[in-house]
Amino acid sequence: MKKYLLFYAGYNNKTEKEQIGVATSSDFNNWNWEGDSPKIPLKSQGFADETQTSNPCVLKHEDIYKMWYQGKSKEGLLSVCYAESKDGLDWKVHDKPVISQRVSGIPEFREGIQHPHVIFDTNKNRFVMWCVVYKNNKTTIGYCESVNGLIWTDIISTNLESLDLNHKYFYPFVLLENNSYRLWITERIGSKWMI
């Protein structure tokens, strides 16, 4: 029987923290939590993902599950972190983020790189990532590439940039179809959200 895996960020109302968990299903209707504790738990003080693990993007590549996810430090810096698994249930988390950078001279509580979405581009024979660059309360959809999923090129900004403080882009999702990329994003203008 096939087992489907669902990776999610669960939110704890008491601690106000997000952490990544896994649920499984054989029919897409009935889901079972895999364990009572997060699969990607918070790390100890001083790590890039000490206050949040969220927004997982998982690929199975050459029989290894690879996860890129958003980590948040105590200072509020958002980074892209990485973990690997042989079965999708037990994960080995890398100690350092794969993408982490201050994007302004005076750091804000919420800035950096978030919402990674990764695919393996068979035409380029490499991993490609779209992500959100958050700076000065504005967002840009960024793009970068990697041969191994760990070392990434510098992020290139796309033309999807916030127009003002009330306009933001989030959660890129990309498919490669007929040698073209198809991108879905969440756009927020004021209090209105749309895909």
N, C-alpha and C. Protein backbone atom coordinates (compact mmCIF):
# COMPACT_ATOMS: atom_id res chain seq x y z
N MET A 1 0.83 -1.18 0.00
CA MET A 1 0.00 0.00 0.00
C MET A 1 0.88 1.25 0.00
N LYS A 2 0.52 2.21 -0.83
CA LYS A 2 1.28 3.45 -0.91
C LYS A 2 1.04 4.30 0.33
N LYS A 3 2.10 5.02 0.72
CA LYS A 3 1.98 5.95 1.83
C LYS A 3 2.34 7.34 1.33
N TYR A 4 1.43 8.28 1.49
CA TYR A 4 1.68 9.65 1.09
C TYR A 4 2.12 10.46 2.31
N LEU A 5 3.03 11.37 2.09
CA LEU A 5 3.58 12.19 3.17
C LEU A 5 3.13 13.64 3.01
N LEU A 6 2.73 14.24 4.10
CA LEU A 6 2.34 15.66 4.13
C LEU A 6 3.24 16.36 5.15
N PHE A 7 3.95 17.36 4.68
CA PHE A 7 4.84 18.13 5.55
C PHE A 7 4.17 19.46 5.85
N TYR A 8 4.13 19.83 7.10
CA TYR A 8 3.38 21.01 7.51
C TYR A 8 4.10 21.73 8.65
N ALA A 9 3.71 22.98 8.87
CA ALA A 9 4.19 23.73 10.03
C ALA A 9 3.04 23.83 11.02
N GLY A 10 3.23 23.25 12.19
CA GLY A 10 2.22 23.32 13.24
C GLY A 10 2.52 24.47 14.18
N TYR A 11 1.47 25.08 14.68
CA TYR A 11 1.62 26.26 15.54
C TYR A 11 1.14 25.92 16.96
N ASN A 12 1.97 26.23 17.94
CA ASN A 12 1.64 26.00 19.34
C ASN A 12 1.13 27.30 19.94
N ASN A 13 -0.13 27.34 20.33
CA ASN A 13 -0.72 28.57 20.87
C ASN A 13 -0.07 29.02 22.18
N LYS A 14 0.42 28.07 22.97
CA LYS A 14 1.03 28.43 24.25
C LYS A 14 2.41 29.06 24.06
N THR A 15 3.23 28.43 23.24
CA THR A 15 4.58 28.96 23.04
C THR A 15 4.65 29.97 21.90
N GLU A 16 3.60 30.02 21.07
CA GLU A 16 3.56 30.88 19.88
C GLU A 16 4.73 30.58 18.95
N LYS A 17 5.05 29.29 18.80
CA LYS A 17 6.14 28.84 17.94
C LYS A 17 5.60 27.90 16.88
N GLU A 18 6.20 27.96 15.68
CA GLU A 18 5.90 27.02 14.61
C GLU A 18 7.03 26.00 14.53
N GLN A 19 6.66 24.72 14.26
CA GLN A 19 7.63 23.67 14.04
C GLN A 19 7.08 22.71 12.99
N ILE A 20 7.97 22.06 12.26
CA ILE A 20 7.57 21.22 11.14
C ILE A 20 7.28 19.80 11.61
N GLY A 21 6.14 19.28 11.12
CA GLY A 21 5.75 17.91 11.40
C GLY A 21 5.42 17.18 10.12
N VAL A 22 5.09 15.89 10.26
CA VAL A 22 4.75 15.05 9.11
C VAL A 22 3.48 14.27 9.44
N ALA A 23 2.60 14.16 8.45
CA ALA A 23 1.43 13.31 8.54
C ALA A 23 1.46 12.34 7.36
N THR A 24 0.85 11.16 7.51
CA THR A 24 0.84 10.17 6.45
C THR A 24 -0.59 9.73 6.14
N SER A 25 -0.77 9.28 4.89
CA SER A 25 -2.09 8.82 4.46
C SER A 25 -1.93 7.79 3.35
N SER A 26 -2.88 6.90 3.22
CA SER A 26 -2.89 5.96 2.11
C SER A 26 -3.94 6.33 1.06
N ASP A 27 -4.80 7.32 1.40
CA ASP A 27 -5.90 7.64 0.49
C ASP A 27 -6.15 9.14 0.28
N PHE A 28 -5.33 9.99 0.85
CA PHE A 28 -5.46 11.46 0.77
C PHE A 28 -6.64 11.99 1.57
N ASN A 29 -7.43 11.13 2.19
CA ASN A 29 -8.58 11.57 2.98
C ASN A 29 -8.33 11.44 4.48
N ASN A 30 -7.75 10.34 4.88
CA ASN A 30 -7.49 10.08 6.29
C ASN A 30 -6.00 10.22 6.56
N TRP A 31 -5.67 11.12 7.48
CA TRP A 31 -4.27 11.43 7.77
C TRP A 31 -3.94 11.08 9.22
N ASN A 32 -2.73 10.61 9.43
CA ASN A 32 -2.23 10.27 10.76
C ASN A 32 -0.99 11.08 11.07
N TRP A 33 -0.96 11.68 12.27
CA TRP A 33 0.23 12.39 12.71
C TRP A 33 1.34 11.36 12.92
N GLU A 34 2.53 11.69 12.51
CA GLU A 34 3.67 10.81 12.73
C GLU A 34 4.42 11.26 13.98
N GLY A 35 4.02 10.72 15.10
CA GLY A 35 4.68 11.05 16.37
C GLY A 35 4.06 12.24 17.06
N ASP A 36 4.42 12.40 18.31
CA ASP A 36 3.88 13.49 19.13
C ASP A 36 4.77 14.72 19.13
N SER A 37 5.95 14.60 18.58
CA SER A 37 6.87 15.75 18.59
C SER A 37 7.22 16.14 17.16
N PRO A 38 7.67 17.39 16.97
CA PRO A 38 8.00 17.87 15.62
C PRO A 38 9.14 17.07 14.99
N LYS A 39 9.09 16.95 13.68
CA LYS A 39 10.17 16.29 12.95
C LYS A 39 11.37 17.22 12.76
N ILE A 40 11.09 18.52 12.66
CA ILE A 40 12.15 19.53 12.59
C ILE A 40 11.92 20.46 13.79
N PRO A 41 12.44 20.08 14.96
CA PRO A 41 12.21 20.88 16.16
C PRO A 41 13.09 22.12 16.19
N LEU A 42 12.79 23.01 17.11
CA LEU A 42 13.61 24.20 17.29
C LEU A 42 14.97 23.79 17.84
N LYS A 43 15.98 24.54 17.44
CA LYS A 43 17.33 24.26 17.93
C LYS A 43 17.62 25.12 19.16
N SER A 44 18.79 24.90 19.69
CA SER A 44 19.18 25.65 20.89
C SER A 44 19.56 27.08 20.54
N GLN A 45 19.77 27.86 21.56
CA GLN A 45 20.04 29.29 21.41
C GLN A 45 21.25 29.53 20.52
N GLY A 46 21.14 30.53 19.67
CA GLY A 46 22.24 30.90 18.80
C GLY A 46 22.15 30.32 17.40
N PHE A 47 21.19 29.41 17.15
CA PHE A 47 21.04 28.81 15.83
C PHE A 47 20.04 29.60 14.99
N ALA A 48 20.12 29.41 13.68
CA ALA A 48 19.26 30.16 12.75
C ALA A 48 17.80 29.76 12.86
N ASP A 49 17.52 28.60 13.43
CA ASP A 49 16.14 28.14 13.55
C ASP A 49 15.78 27.87 15.01
N GLU A 50 16.16 28.80 15.89
CA GLU A 50 15.91 28.60 17.32
C GLU A 50 14.50 29.03 17.74
N THR A 51 13.79 29.85 16.92
CA THR A 51 12.44 30.27 17.32
C THR A 51 11.36 29.84 16.33
N GLN A 52 11.75 29.29 15.16
CA GLN A 52 10.74 28.88 14.19
C GLN A 52 11.34 27.93 13.17
N THR A 53 10.59 26.85 12.85
CA THR A 53 10.84 26.04 11.65
C THR A 53 9.50 25.97 10.93
N SER A 54 9.46 26.42 9.68
CA SER A 54 8.19 26.48 8.96
C SER A 54 8.41 26.47 7.46
N ASN A 55 7.31 26.50 6.72
CA ASN A 55 7.32 26.58 5.25
C ASN A 55 8.24 25.54 4.60
N PRO A 56 8.00 24.23 4.90
CA PRO A 56 8.86 23.20 4.31
C PRO A 56 8.60 23.00 2.83
N CYS A 57 9.67 22.75 2.09
CA CYS A 57 9.60 22.34 0.69
C CYS A 57 10.42 21.06 0.58
N VAL A 58 9.79 19.96 0.18
CA VAL A 58 10.46 18.65 0.19
C VAL A 58 10.48 18.06 -1.22
N LEU A 59 11.67 17.55 -1.60
CA LEU A 59 11.84 16.80 -2.85
C LEU A 59 12.47 15.45 -2.53
N LYS A 60 12.06 14.43 -3.25
CA LYS A 60 12.79 13.16 -3.18
C LYS A 60 13.69 13.11 -4.40
N HIS A 61 14.98 13.12 -4.17
CA HIS A 61 15.95 13.18 -5.26
C HIS A 61 17.01 12.10 -5.02
N GLU A 62 17.16 11.20 -5.98
CA GLU A 62 18.12 10.09 -5.88
C GLU A 62 17.94 9.34 -4.57
N ASP A 63 16.69 8.99 -4.25
CA ASP A 63 16.31 8.19 -3.08
C ASP A 63 16.54 8.87 -1.74
N ILE A 64 16.79 10.17 -1.75
CA ILE A 64 16.94 10.93 -0.50
C ILE A 64 15.90 12.03 -0.48
N TYR A 65 15.18 12.13 0.64
CA TYR A 65 14.27 13.26 0.83
C TYR A 65 15.09 14.46 1.26
N LYS A 66 14.90 15.56 0.56
CA LYS A 66 15.61 16.80 0.86
C LYS A 66 14.59 17.85 1.23
N MET A 67 14.82 18.52 2.33
CA MET A 67 13.88 19.56 2.79
C MET A 67 14.61 20.89 2.96
N TRP A 68 14.04 21.91 2.34
CA TRP A 68 14.47 23.28 2.59
C TRP A 68 13.33 23.93 3.36
N TYR A 69 13.64 24.64 4.40
CA TYR A 69 12.59 25.23 5.22
C TYR A 69 13.05 26.57 5.78
N GLN A 70 12.09 27.31 6.26
CA GLN A 70 12.35 28.63 6.82
C GLN A 70 12.68 28.51 8.31
N GLY A 71 13.81 29.05 8.68
CA GLY A 71 14.18 29.13 10.09
C GLY A 71 14.18 30.58 10.53
N LYS A 72 13.94 30.79 11.82
CA LYS A 72 13.94 32.15 12.35
C LYS A 72 14.75 32.18 13.64
N SER A 73 15.67 33.14 13.71
CA SER A 73 16.52 33.28 14.90
C SER A 73 15.82 34.15 15.94
N LYS A 74 16.40 34.22 17.11
CA LYS A 74 15.83 35.04 18.18
C LYS A 74 15.76 36.50 17.79
N GLU A 75 16.71 36.94 16.97
CA GLU A 75 16.73 38.34 16.51
C GLU A 75 15.71 38.60 15.40
N GLY A 76 15.12 37.54 14.86
CA GLY A 76 14.13 37.70 13.81
C GLY A 76 14.67 37.52 12.41
N LEU A 77 15.95 37.12 12.26
CA LEU A 77 16.50 36.90 10.93
C LEU A 77 15.92 35.62 10.34
N LEU A 78 15.37 35.71 9.15
CA LEU A 78 14.79 34.57 8.44
C LEU A 78 15.85 33.98 7.50
N SER A 79 16.01 32.66 7.56
CA SER A 79 17.01 31.97 6.75
C SER A 79 16.40 30.72 6.14
N VAL A 80 17.05 30.21 5.09
CA VAL A 80 16.66 28.93 4.52
C VAL A 80 17.58 27.87 5.12
N CYS A 81 16.97 26.90 5.80
CA CYS A 81 17.70 25.81 6.43
C CYS A 81 17.46 24.52 5.65
N TYR A 82 18.20 23.46 6.01
CA TYR A 82 18.17 22.24 5.20
C TYR A 82 18.22 21.00 6.08
N ALA A 83 17.50 19.95 5.66
CA ALA A 83 17.52 18.65 6.34
C ALA A 83 17.39 17.54 5.30
N GLU A 84 17.84 16.33 5.66
CA GLU A 84 17.76 15.17 4.78
C GLU A 84 17.16 13.98 5.53
N SER A 85 16.54 13.08 4.76
CA SER A 85 15.93 11.89 5.35
C SER A 85 15.94 10.75 4.34
N LYS A 86 16.08 9.51 4.82
CA LYS A 86 16.00 8.35 3.94
C LYS A 86 14.56 7.89 3.75
N ASP A 87 13.70 8.20 4.74
CA ASP A 87 12.33 7.70 4.67
C ASP A 87 11.27 8.80 4.74
N GLY A 88 11.65 10.05 4.90
CA GLY A 88 10.71 11.15 5.01
C GLY A 88 10.16 11.35 6.40
N LEU A 89 10.56 10.49 7.34
CA LEU A 89 10.06 10.57 8.71
C LEU A 89 11.13 10.97 9.72
N ASP A 90 12.31 10.39 9.59
CA ASP A 90 13.42 10.72 10.50
C ASP A 90 14.41 11.59 9.75
N TRP A 91 14.65 12.78 10.29
CA TRP A 91 15.40 13.81 9.58
C TRP A 91 16.71 14.15 10.28
N LYS A 92 17.73 14.41 9.47
CA LYS A 92 19.01 14.92 9.96
C LYS A 92 19.11 16.37 9.50
N VAL A 93 19.14 17.27 10.46
CA VAL A 93 19.15 18.70 10.17
C VAL A 93 20.59 19.21 10.13
N HIS A 94 20.91 20.00 9.10
CA HIS A 94 22.23 20.62 9.04
C HIS A 94 22.33 21.73 10.08
N ASP A 95 23.51 21.90 10.62
CA ASP A 95 23.71 22.88 11.70
C ASP A 95 23.57 24.32 11.24
N LYS A 96 23.98 24.59 10.00
CA LYS A 96 23.96 25.98 9.51
C LYS A 96 22.96 26.12 8.37
N PRO A 97 22.37 27.29 8.24
CA PRO A 97 21.44 27.50 7.11
C PRO A 97 22.19 27.47 5.79
N VAL A 98 21.47 27.14 4.72
CA VAL A 98 22.09 27.14 3.39
C VAL A 98 22.02 28.52 2.74
N ILE A 99 21.04 29.33 3.15
CA ILE A 99 20.97 30.72 2.68
C ILE A 99 20.60 31.58 3.89
N SER A 100 21.47 32.50 4.22
CA SER A 100 21.21 33.40 5.33
C SER A 100 21.95 34.69 5.08
N GLN A 101 21.24 35.80 5.09
CA GLN A 101 21.92 37.07 4.86
C GLN A 101 21.09 38.22 5.43
N ARG A 102 21.78 39.14 6.01
CA ARG A 102 21.14 40.39 6.37
C ARG A 102 20.92 41.15 5.08
N VAL A 103 19.75 41.72 4.94
CA VAL A 103 19.46 42.42 3.69
C VAL A 103 19.30 43.92 3.90
N SER A 104 19.58 44.39 5.11
CA SER A 104 19.57 45.84 5.35
C SER A 104 20.64 46.16 6.39
N GLY A 105 21.08 47.40 6.39
CA GLY A 105 22.11 47.82 7.33
C GLY A 105 21.65 47.78 8.77
N ILE A 106 20.40 48.16 8.99
CA ILE A 106 19.82 48.12 10.33
C ILE A 106 18.79 47.00 10.34
N PRO A 107 19.13 45.84 10.91
CA PRO A 107 18.22 44.69 10.84
C PRO A 107 16.88 44.96 11.51
N GLU A 108 15.83 44.44 10.89
CA GLU A 108 14.50 44.50 11.46
C GLU A 108 14.22 43.18 12.16
N PHE A 109 13.11 43.10 12.88
CA PHE A 109 12.76 41.84 13.51
C PHE A 109 12.40 40.78 12.48
N ARG A 110 11.85 41.19 11.35
CA ARG A 110 11.45 40.23 10.31
C ARG A 110 12.14 40.65 9.02
N GLU A 111 13.28 40.05 8.76
CA GLU A 111 13.96 40.30 7.49
C GLU A 111 14.78 39.09 7.12
N GLY A 112 15.15 39.02 5.86
CA GLY A 112 15.97 37.91 5.39
C GLY A 112 15.27 37.14 4.29
N ILE A 113 15.51 35.83 4.25
CA ILE A 113 15.03 34.97 3.17
C ILE A 113 14.00 34.00 3.75
N GLN A 114 12.84 33.91 3.10
CA GLN A 114 11.79 33.03 3.60
C GLN A 114 11.05 32.37 2.46
N HIS A 115 10.16 31.43 2.80
CA HIS A 115 9.26 30.73 1.87
C HIS A 115 10.01 30.10 0.69
N PRO A 116 10.99 29.23 0.94
CA PRO A 116 11.72 28.61 -0.18
C PRO A 116 10.84 27.61 -0.93
N HIS A 117 10.96 27.63 -2.24
CA HIS A 117 10.33 26.58 -3.07
C HIS A 117 11.40 26.10 -4.06
N VAL A 118 11.70 24.81 -4.00
CA VAL A 118 12.79 24.23 -4.79
C VAL A 118 12.25 23.15 -5.71
N ILE A 119 12.75 23.14 -6.94
CA ILE A 119 12.51 22.03 -7.85
C ILE A 119 13.86 21.60 -8.42
N PHE A 120 13.90 20.40 -8.98
CA PHE A 120 15.10 19.98 -9.71
C PHE A 120 14.83 20.17 -11.19
N ASP A 121 15.57 21.06 -11.81
CA ASP A 121 15.41 21.37 -13.22
C ASP A 121 16.26 20.40 -14.03
N THR A 122 15.60 19.45 -14.70
CA THR A 122 16.33 18.43 -15.46
C THR A 122 17.05 19.03 -16.67
N ASN A 123 16.56 20.16 -17.19
CA ASN A 123 17.24 20.81 -18.31
C ASN A 123 18.58 21.40 -17.88
N LYS A 124 18.61 21.95 -16.68
CA LYS A 124 19.85 22.56 -16.17
C LYS A 124 20.67 21.58 -15.33
N ASN A 125 20.05 20.44 -14.99
CA ASN A 125 20.67 19.44 -14.13
C ASN A 125 21.12 20.05 -12.80
N ARG A 126 20.22 20.82 -12.20
CA ARG A 126 20.50 21.44 -10.91
C ARG A 126 19.21 21.82 -10.20
N PHE A 127 19.34 22.10 -8.92
CA PHE A 127 18.22 22.58 -8.13
C PHE A 127 18.05 24.07 -8.38
N VAL A 128 16.81 24.50 -8.47
CA VAL A 128 16.52 25.93 -8.59
C VAL A 128 15.52 26.31 -7.51
N MET A 129 15.70 27.47 -6.93
CA MET A 129 14.88 27.91 -5.81
C MET A 129 14.29 29.28 -6.09
N TRP A 130 13.02 29.43 -5.74
CA TRP A 130 12.38 30.73 -5.64
C TRP A 130 12.12 30.97 -4.16
N CYS A 131 12.29 32.18 -3.73
CA CYS A 131 12.12 32.49 -2.31
C CYS A 131 11.66 33.94 -2.18
N VAL A 132 11.30 34.30 -0.96
CA VAL A 132 10.89 35.67 -0.68
C VAL A 132 12.03 36.36 0.05
N VAL A 133 12.45 37.49 -0.49
CA VAL A 133 13.44 38.34 0.19
C VAL A 133 12.66 39.44 0.88
N TYR A 134 12.79 39.49 2.20
CA TYR A 134 12.02 40.43 3.02
C TYR A 134 12.96 41.50 3.54
N LYS A 135 12.71 42.74 3.16
CA LYS A 135 13.60 43.84 3.53
C LYS A 135 12.80 45.13 3.65
N ASN A 136 13.04 45.87 4.73
CA ASN A 136 12.36 47.15 4.95
C ASN A 136 10.85 47.05 4.79
N ASN A 137 10.30 45.94 5.28
CA ASN A 137 8.86 45.68 5.25
C ASN A 137 8.30 45.54 3.82
N LYS A 138 9.18 45.29 2.85
CA LYS A 138 8.77 45.01 1.48
C LYS A 138 9.29 43.63 1.08
N THR A 139 8.68 43.03 0.06
CA THR A 139 9.10 41.71 -0.38
C THR A 139 9.42 41.68 -1.87
N THR A 140 10.33 40.78 -2.22
CA THR A 140 10.69 40.51 -3.60
C THR A 140 10.77 39.00 -3.77
N ILE A 141 10.31 38.49 -4.89
CA ILE A 141 10.53 37.08 -5.21
C ILE A 141 11.93 36.96 -5.81
N GLY A 142 12.77 36.15 -5.16
CA GLY A 142 14.14 35.94 -5.62
C GLY A 142 14.32 34.57 -6.23
N TYR A 143 15.44 34.39 -6.93
CA TYR A 143 15.74 33.15 -7.64
C TYR A 143 17.22 32.83 -7.47
N CYS A 144 17.54 31.54 -7.25
CA CYS A 144 18.94 31.11 -7.20
C CYS A 144 19.03 29.65 -7.62
N GLU A 145 20.26 29.16 -7.84
CA GLU A 145 20.50 27.80 -8.32
C GLU A 145 21.56 27.11 -7.49
N SER A 146 21.54 25.76 -7.53
CA SER A 146 22.51 24.97 -6.79
C SER A 146 22.73 23.64 -7.48
N VAL A 147 23.96 23.16 -7.47
CA VAL A 147 24.27 21.85 -8.03
C VAL A 147 23.92 20.76 -7.03
N ASN A 148 24.10 21.02 -5.74
CA ASN A 148 23.90 19.98 -4.73
C ASN A 148 22.79 20.28 -3.72
N GLY A 149 22.15 21.44 -3.82
CA GLY A 149 21.09 21.79 -2.88
C GLY A 149 21.57 22.42 -1.59
N LEU A 150 22.89 22.51 -1.43
CA LEU A 150 23.48 23.07 -0.21
C LEU A 150 24.17 24.41 -0.45
N ILE A 151 24.89 24.51 -1.54
CA ILE A 151 25.62 25.74 -1.88
C ILE A 151 24.87 26.40 -3.03
N TRP A 152 24.41 27.63 -2.79
CA TRP A 152 23.54 28.33 -3.74
C TRP A 152 24.22 29.55 -4.33
N THR A 153 23.84 29.88 -5.57
CA THR A 153 24.31 31.12 -6.18
C THR A 153 23.69 32.30 -5.45
N ASP A 154 24.19 33.49 -5.70
CA ASP A 154 23.57 34.69 -5.14
C ASP A 154 22.14 34.79 -5.63
N ILE A 155 21.28 35.33 -4.79
CA ILE A 155 19.87 35.47 -5.16
C ILE A 155 19.71 36.63 -6.14
N ILE A 156 19.01 36.34 -7.23
CA ILE A 156 18.68 37.35 -8.23
C ILE A 156 17.24 37.79 -7.99
N SER A 157 17.00 39.07 -7.97
CA SER A 157 15.64 39.58 -7.80
C SER A 157 14.87 39.47 -9.11
N THR A 158 13.64 39.01 -9.02
CA THR A 158 12.78 39.00 -10.20
C THR A 158 12.06 40.35 -10.28
N ASN A 159 11.19 40.49 -11.25
CA ASN A 159 10.43 41.74 -11.36
C ASN A 159 9.20 41.74 -10.44
N LEU A 160 9.04 40.70 -9.62
CA LEU A 160 7.94 40.65 -8.65
C LEU A 160 8.43 41.28 -7.35
N GLU A 161 8.27 42.59 -7.25
CA GLU A 161 8.72 43.35 -6.09
C GLU A 161 7.55 44.14 -5.51
N SER A 162 7.57 44.32 -4.19
CA SER A 162 6.55 45.13 -3.54
C SER A 162 6.54 46.53 -4.13
N LEU A 163 5.36 47.06 -4.33
CA LEU A 163 5.24 48.42 -4.84
C LEU A 163 5.32 49.43 -3.70
N ASP A 164 4.78 49.04 -2.54
CA ASP A 164 4.82 49.92 -1.37
C ASP A 164 4.64 49.05 -0.13
N LEU A 165 4.53 49.65 1.04
CA LEU A 165 4.45 48.90 2.29
C LEU A 165 3.16 48.10 2.42
N ASN A 166 2.11 48.46 1.68
CA ASN A 166 0.84 47.72 1.73
C ASN A 166 0.76 46.61 0.69
N HIS A 167 1.82 46.42 -0.08
CA HIS A 167 1.81 45.45 -1.17
C HIS A 167 2.94 44.44 -0.94
N LYS A 168 2.61 43.13 -0.88
CA LYS A 168 3.64 42.13 -0.64
C LYS A 168 3.37 40.87 -1.44
N TYR A 169 4.47 40.12 -1.71
CA TYR A 169 4.38 38.81 -2.33
C TYR A 169 4.87 37.76 -1.34
N PHE A 170 4.24 36.58 -1.35
CA PHE A 170 4.61 35.49 -0.46
C PHE A 170 4.47 34.15 -1.19
N TYR A 171 5.03 33.10 -0.62
CA TYR A 171 4.80 31.69 -0.96
C TYR A 171 4.87 31.36 -2.45
N PRO A 172 6.01 31.52 -3.08
CA PRO A 172 6.10 31.10 -4.49
C PRO A 172 5.99 29.58 -4.62
N PHE A 173 5.33 29.13 -5.66
CA PHE A 173 5.20 27.71 -5.98
C PHE A 173 5.41 27.57 -7.48
N VAL A 174 6.33 26.69 -7.89
CA VAL A 174 6.74 26.63 -9.30
C VAL A 174 6.70 25.20 -9.82
N LEU A 175 6.25 25.05 -11.05
CA LEU A 175 6.33 23.79 -11.78
C LEU A 175 7.10 24.02 -13.07
N LEU A 176 7.86 23.01 -13.48
CA LEU A 176 8.52 23.03 -14.79
C LEU A 176 7.65 22.21 -15.74
N GLU A 177 7.16 22.87 -16.79
CA GLU A 177 6.24 22.21 -17.71
C GLU A 177 6.58 22.63 -19.13
N ASN A 178 6.87 21.65 -19.99
CA ASN A 178 7.22 21.93 -21.39
C ASN A 178 8.34 22.96 -21.50
N ASN A 179 9.37 22.78 -20.71
CA ASN A 179 10.56 23.65 -20.72
C ASN A 179 10.28 25.09 -20.29
N SER A 180 9.14 25.31 -19.65
CA SER A 180 8.82 26.63 -19.12
C SER A 180 8.46 26.51 -17.65
N TYR A 181 8.75 27.56 -16.90
CA TYR A 181 8.36 27.60 -15.51
C TYR A 181 6.96 28.19 -15.39
N ARG A 182 6.16 27.62 -14.49
CA ARG A 182 4.85 28.18 -14.16
C ARG A 182 4.91 28.53 -12.68
N LEU A 183 4.64 29.79 -12.35
CA LEU A 183 4.79 30.30 -10.99
C LEU A 183 3.44 30.76 -10.45
N TRP A 184 3.11 30.28 -9.25
CA TRP A 184 1.97 30.79 -8.50
C TRP A 184 2.52 31.47 -7.26
N ILE A 185 1.96 32.60 -6.91
CA ILE A 185 2.38 33.32 -5.71
C ILE A 185 1.16 33.83 -4.97
N THR A 186 1.34 34.11 -3.71
CA THR A 186 0.31 34.79 -2.94
C THR A 186 0.66 36.26 -2.93
N GLU A 187 -0.32 37.08 -3.29
CA GLU A 187 -0.12 38.53 -3.30
C GLU A 187 -1.06 39.15 -2.29
N ARG A 188 -0.53 40.08 -1.51
CA ARG A 188 -1.38 40.80 -0.56
C ARG A 188 -1.30 42.28 -0.87
N ILE A 189 -2.48 42.87 -1.03
CA ILE A 189 -2.56 44.33 -1.20
C ILE A 189 -3.49 44.83 -0.08
N GLY A 190 -2.91 45.53 0.88
CA GLY A 190 -3.67 45.93 2.05
C GLY A 190 -4.11 44.71 2.83
N SER A 191 -5.40 44.54 3.03
CA SER A 191 -5.92 43.36 3.75
C SER A 191 -6.44 42.30 2.79
N LYS A 192 -6.30 42.50 1.49
CA LYS A 192 -6.82 41.55 0.50
C LYS A 192 -5.70 40.59 0.06
N TRP A 193 -5.98 39.28 0.19
CA TRP A 193 -5.05 38.24 -0.21
C TRP A 193 -5.57 37.56 -1.47
N MET A 194 -4.66 37.21 -2.39
CA MET A 194 -5.08 36.51 -3.60
C MET A 194 -3.93 35.65 -4.13
N ILE A 195 -4.27 34.63 -4.92
CA ILE A 195 -3.27 33.77 -5.57
C ILE A 195 -3.02 34.30 -6.96
